[in-house]
Amino acid sequence: MYDSLVELISNVGFPVAVSVYLLVRIEKKLDDLIKAFNDYTKDHN
């Protein structure tokens, strides 16, 4: 994992690598939020 991260940073630059990392992390949180919202609306209809 560490080696691939270092390679990514050296190839595309630090700002791009950080942006990709944050987008991947946020995607999981958004999926969880969408699921919670859908469950909430099903329970209250």
PDB file of N, CA and C in Angstrom:
ATOM      1  N   MET A   1       0.830  -1.195   0.000  1.00  0.00           N
ATOM      2  CA  MET A   1       0.000   0.000   0.000  1.00  0.00           C
ATOM      3  C   MET A   1       0.868   1.250   0.000  1.00  0.00           C
ATOM      4  N   TYR A   2       1.867   1.284   0.860  1.00  0.00           N
ATOM      5  CA  TYR A   2       2.731   2.462   0.965  1.00  0.00           C
ATOM      6  C   TYR A   2       3.503   2.695  -0.328  1.00  0.00           C
ATOM      7  N   ASP A   3       3.992   1.620  -0.935  1.00  0.00           N
ATOM      8  CA  ASP A   3       4.758   1.757  -2.179  1.00  0.00           C
ATOM      9  C   ASP A   3       3.895   2.321  -3.304  1.00  0.00           C
ATOM     10  N   SER A   4       2.661   1.849  -3.402  1.00  0.00           N
ATOM     11  CA  SER A   4       1.786   2.356  -4.460  1.00  0.00           C
ATOM     12  C   SER A   4       1.415   3.815  -4.214  1.00  0.00           C
ATOM     13  N   LEU A   5       1.286   4.199  -2.951  1.00  0.00           N
ATOM     14  CA  LEU A   5       0.993   5.598  -2.625  1.00  0.00           C
ATOM     15  C   LEU A   5       2.156   6.502  -3.015  1.00  0.00           C
ATOM     16  N   VAL A   6       3.364   6.075  -2.711  1.00  0.00           N
ATOM     17  CA  VAL A   6       4.554   6.856  -3.078  1.00  0.00           C
ATOM     18  C   VAL A   6       4.674   6.962  -4.592  1.00  0.00           C
ATOM     19  N   GLU A   7       4.392   5.871  -5.292  1.00  0.00           N
ATOM     20  CA  GLU A   7       4.457   5.892  -6.756  1.00  0.00           C
ATOM     21  C   GLU A   7       3.407   6.833  -7.334  1.00  0.00           C
ATOM     22  N   LEU A   8       2.204   6.821  -6.774  1.00  0.00           N
ATOM     23  CA  LEU A   8       1.143   7.716  -7.233  1.00  0.00           C
ATOM     24  C   LEU A   8       1.548   9.172  -7.050  1.00  0.00           C
ATOM     25  N   ILE A   9       2.087   9.498  -5.891  1.00  0.00           N
ATOM     26  CA  ILE A   9       2.504  10.875  -5.622  1.00  0.00           C
ATOM     27  C   ILE A   9       3.613  11.303  -6.580  1.00  0.00           C
ATOM     28  N   SER A  10       4.560  10.426  -6.829  1.00  0.00           N
ATOM     29  CA  SER A  10       5.668  10.796  -7.721  1.00  0.00           C
ATOM     30  C   SER A  10       5.213  10.938  -9.166  1.00  0.00           C
ATOM     31  N   ASN A  11       4.184  10.196  -9.558  1.00  0.00           N
ATOM     32  CA  ASN A  11       3.717  10.256 -10.944  1.00  0.00           C
ATOM     33  C   ASN A  11       2.792  11.438 -11.211  1.00  0.00           C
ATOM     34  N   VAL A  12       1.878  11.721 -10.314  1.00  0.00           N
ATOM     35  CA  VAL A  12       0.854  12.738 -10.597  1.00  0.00           C
ATOM     36  C   VAL A  12       0.974  13.982  -9.738  1.00  0.00           C
ATOM     37  N   GLY A  13       1.735  13.935  -8.704  1.00  0.00           N
ATOM     38  CA  GLY A  13       1.873  15.099  -7.844  1.00  0.00           C
ATOM     39  C   GLY A  13       1.053  14.964  -6.582  1.00  0.00           C
ATOM     40  N   PHE A  14       1.500  15.660  -5.578  1.00  0.00           N
ATOM     41  CA  PHE A  14       0.876  15.557  -4.261  1.00  0.00           C
ATOM     42  C   PHE A  14      -0.582  16.017  -4.239  1.00  0.00           C
ATOM     43  N   PRO A  15      -0.933  17.179  -4.821  1.00  0.00           N
ATOM     44  CA  PRO A  15      -2.340  17.615  -4.756  1.00  0.00           C
ATOM     45  C   PRO A  15      -3.308  16.631  -5.407  1.00  0.00           C
ATOM     46  N   VAL A  16      -2.914  16.048  -6.523  1.00  0.00           N
ATOM     47  CA  VAL A  16      -3.781  15.086  -7.204  1.00  0.00           C
ATOM     48  C   VAL A  16      -3.922  13.823  -6.367  1.00  0.00           C
ATOM     49  N   ALA A  17      -2.833  13.361  -5.785  1.00  0.00           N
ATOM     50  CA  ALA A  17      -2.880  12.158  -4.954  1.00  0.00           C
ATOM     51  C   ALA A  17      -3.780  12.365  -3.743  1.00  0.00           C
ATOM     52  N   VAL A  18      -3.692  13.527  -3.108  1.00  0.00           N
ATOM     53  CA  VAL A  18      -4.547  13.819  -1.950  1.00  0.00           C
ATOM     54  C   VAL A  18      -6.004  13.901  -2.382  1.00  0.00           C
ATOM     55  N   SER A  19      -6.277  14.512  -3.515  1.00  0.00           N
ATOM     56  CA  SER A  19      -7.651  14.613  -4.016  1.00  0.00           C
ATOM     57  C   SER A  19      -8.256  13.241  -4.278  1.00  0.00           C
ATOM     58  N   VAL A  20      -7.495  12.363  -4.902  1.00  0.00           N
ATOM     59  CA  VAL A  20      -7.978  11.005  -5.173  1.00  0.00           C
ATOM     60  C   VAL A  20      -8.254  10.276  -3.868  1.00  0.00           C
ATOM     61  N   TYR A  21      -7.351  10.391  -2.922  1.00  0.00           N
ATOM     62  CA  TYR A  21      -7.522   9.736  -1.621  1.00  0.00           C
ATOM     63  C   TYR A  21      -8.797  10.218  -0.934  1.00  0.00           C
ATOM     64  N   LEU A  22      -9.017  11.525  -0.919  1.00  0.00           N
ATOM     65  CA  LEU A  22     -10.205  12.065  -0.258  1.00  0.00           C
ATOM     66  C   LEU A  22     -11.485  11.663  -0.978  1.00  0.00           C
ATOM     67  N   LEU A  23     -11.467  11.643  -2.297  1.00  0.00           N
ATOM     68  CA  LEU A  23     -12.658  11.232  -3.039  1.00  0.00           C
ATOM     69  C   LEU A  23     -13.024   9.783  -2.764  1.00  0.00           C
ATOM     70  N   VAL A  24     -12.038   8.925  -2.661  1.00  0.00           N
ATOM     71  CA  VAL A  24     -12.301   7.516  -2.367  1.00  0.00           C
ATOM     72  C   VAL A  24     -12.890   7.371  -0.968  1.00  0.00           C
ATOM     73  N   ARG A  25     -12.367   8.105  -0.012  1.00  0.00           N
ATOM     74  CA  ARG A  25     -12.885   8.027   1.359  1.00  0.00           C
ATOM     75  C   ARG A  25     -14.295   8.584   1.457  1.00  0.00           C
ATOM     76  N   ILE A  26     -14.558   9.686   0.774  1.00  0.00           N
ATOM     77  CA  ILE A  26     -15.871  10.324   0.838  1.00  0.00           C
ATOM     78  C   ILE A  26     -16.929   9.456   0.163  1.00  0.00           C
ATOM     79  N   GLU A  27     -16.538   8.717  -0.876  1.00  0.00           N
ATOM     80  CA  GLU A  27     -17.495   7.877  -1.592  1.00  0.00           C
ATOM     81  C   GLU A  27     -18.172   6.875  -0.654  1.00  0.00           C
ATOM     82  N   LYS A  28     -17.411   6.240   0.207  1.00  0.00           N
ATOM     83  CA  LYS A  28     -17.964   5.266   1.158  1.00  0.00           C
ATOM     84  C   LYS A  28     -18.937   5.945   2.116  1.00  0.00           C
ATOM     85  N   LYS A  29     -18.577   7.117   2.595  1.00  0.00           N
ATOM     86  CA  LYS A  29     -19.444   7.833   3.526  1.00  0.00           C
ATOM     87  C   LYS A  29     -20.745   8.260   2.842  1.00  0.00           C
ATOM     88  N   LEU A  30     -20.659   8.672   1.579  1.00  0.00           N
ATOM     89  CA  LEU A  30     -21.860   9.051   0.845  1.00  0.00           C
ATOM     90  C   LEU A  30     -22.773   7.851   0.623  1.00  0.00           C
ATOM     91  N   ASP A  31     -22.202   6.695   0.325  1.00  0.00           N
ATOM     92  CA  ASP A  31     -23.007   5.484   0.164  1.00  0.00           C
ATOM     93  C   ASP A  31     -23.748   5.150   1.451  1.00  0.00           C
ATOM     94  N   ASP A  32     -23.071   5.274   2.587  1.00  0.00           N
ATOM     95  CA  ASP A  32     -23.706   5.017   3.877  1.00  0.00           C
ATOM     96  C   ASP A  32     -24.823   6.023   4.150  1.00  0.00           C
ATOM     97  N   LEU A  33     -24.595   7.285   3.808  1.00  0.00           N
ATOM     98  CA  LEU A  33     -25.600   8.325   4.021  1.00  0.00           C
ATOM     99  C   LEU A  33     -26.828   8.094   3.147  1.00  0.00           C
ATOM    100  N   ILE A  34     -26.618   7.712   1.904  1.00  0.00           N
ATOM    101  CA  ILE A  34     -27.734   7.429   1.000  1.00  0.00           C
ATOM    102  C   ILE A  34     -28.544   6.246   1.508  1.00  0.00           C
ATOM    103  N   LYS A  35     -27.871   5.213   1.980  1.00  0.00           N
ATOM    104  CA  LYS A  35     -28.573   4.050   2.521  1.00  0.00           C
ATOM    105  C   LYS A  35     -29.388   4.430   3.748  1.00  0.00           C
ATOM    106  N   ALA A  36     -28.820   5.224   4.637  1.00  0.00           N
ATOM    107  CA  ALA A  36     -29.538   5.655   5.838  1.00  0.00           C
ATOM    108  C   ALA A  36     -30.752   6.494   5.459  1.00  0.00           C
ATOM    109  N   PHE A  37     -30.607   7.377   4.495  1.00  0.00           N
ATOM    110  CA  PHE A  37     -31.722   8.206   4.052  1.00  0.00           C
ATOM    111  C   PHE A  37     -32.830   7.355   3.446  1.00  0.00           C
ATOM    112  N   ASN A  38     -32.457   6.384   2.612  1.00  0.00           N
ATOM    113  CA  ASN A  38     -33.457   5.504   2.009  1.00  0.00           C
ATOM    114  C   ASN A  38     -34.173   4.670   3.066  1.00  0.00           C
ATOM    115  N   ASP A  39     -33.445   4.161   4.044  1.00  0.00           N
ATOM    116  CA  ASP A  39     -34.065   3.406   5.127  1.00  0.00           C
ATOM    117  C   ASP A  39     -35.026   4.281   5.924  1.00  0.00           C
ATOM    118  N   TYR A  40     -34.638   5.518   6.170  1.00  0.00           N
ATOM    119  CA  TYR A  40     -35.477   6.450   6.926  1.00  0.00           C
ATOM    120  C   TYR A  40     -36.774   6.736   6.177  1.00  0.00           C
ATOM    121  N   THR A  41     -36.673   6.982   4.868  1.00  0.00           N
ATOM    122  CA  THR A  41     -37.879   7.305   4.110  1.00  0.00           C
ATOM    123  C   THR A  41     -38.802   6.094   3.991  1.00  0.00           C
ATOM    124  N   LYS A  42     -38.250   4.890   3.919  1.00  0.00           N
ATOM    125  CA  LYS A  42     -39.092   3.695   3.872  1.00  0.00           C
ATOM    126  C   LYS A  42     -39.850   3.512   5.184  1.00  0.00           C
ATOM    127  N   ASP A  43     -39.197   3.810   6.301  1.00  0.00           N
ATOM    128  CA  ASP A  43     -39.822   3.642   7.608  1.00  0.00           C
ATOM    129  C   ASP A  43     -40.895   4.682   7.883  1.00  0.00           C
ATOM    130  N   HIS A  44     -40.821   5.832   7.239  1.00  0.00           N
ATOM    131  CA  HIS A  44     -41.741   6.923   7.546  1.00  0.00           C
ATOM    132  C   HIS A  44     -42.759   7.170   6.442  1.00  0.00           C
ATOM    133  N   ASN A  45     -42.983   6.205   5.594  1.00  0.00           N
ATOM    134  CA  ASN A  45     -44.020   6.331   4.557  1.00  0.00           C
ATOM    135  C   ASN A  45     -45.111   5.332   4.780  1.00  0.00           C
TER     136      ASN A  45
END
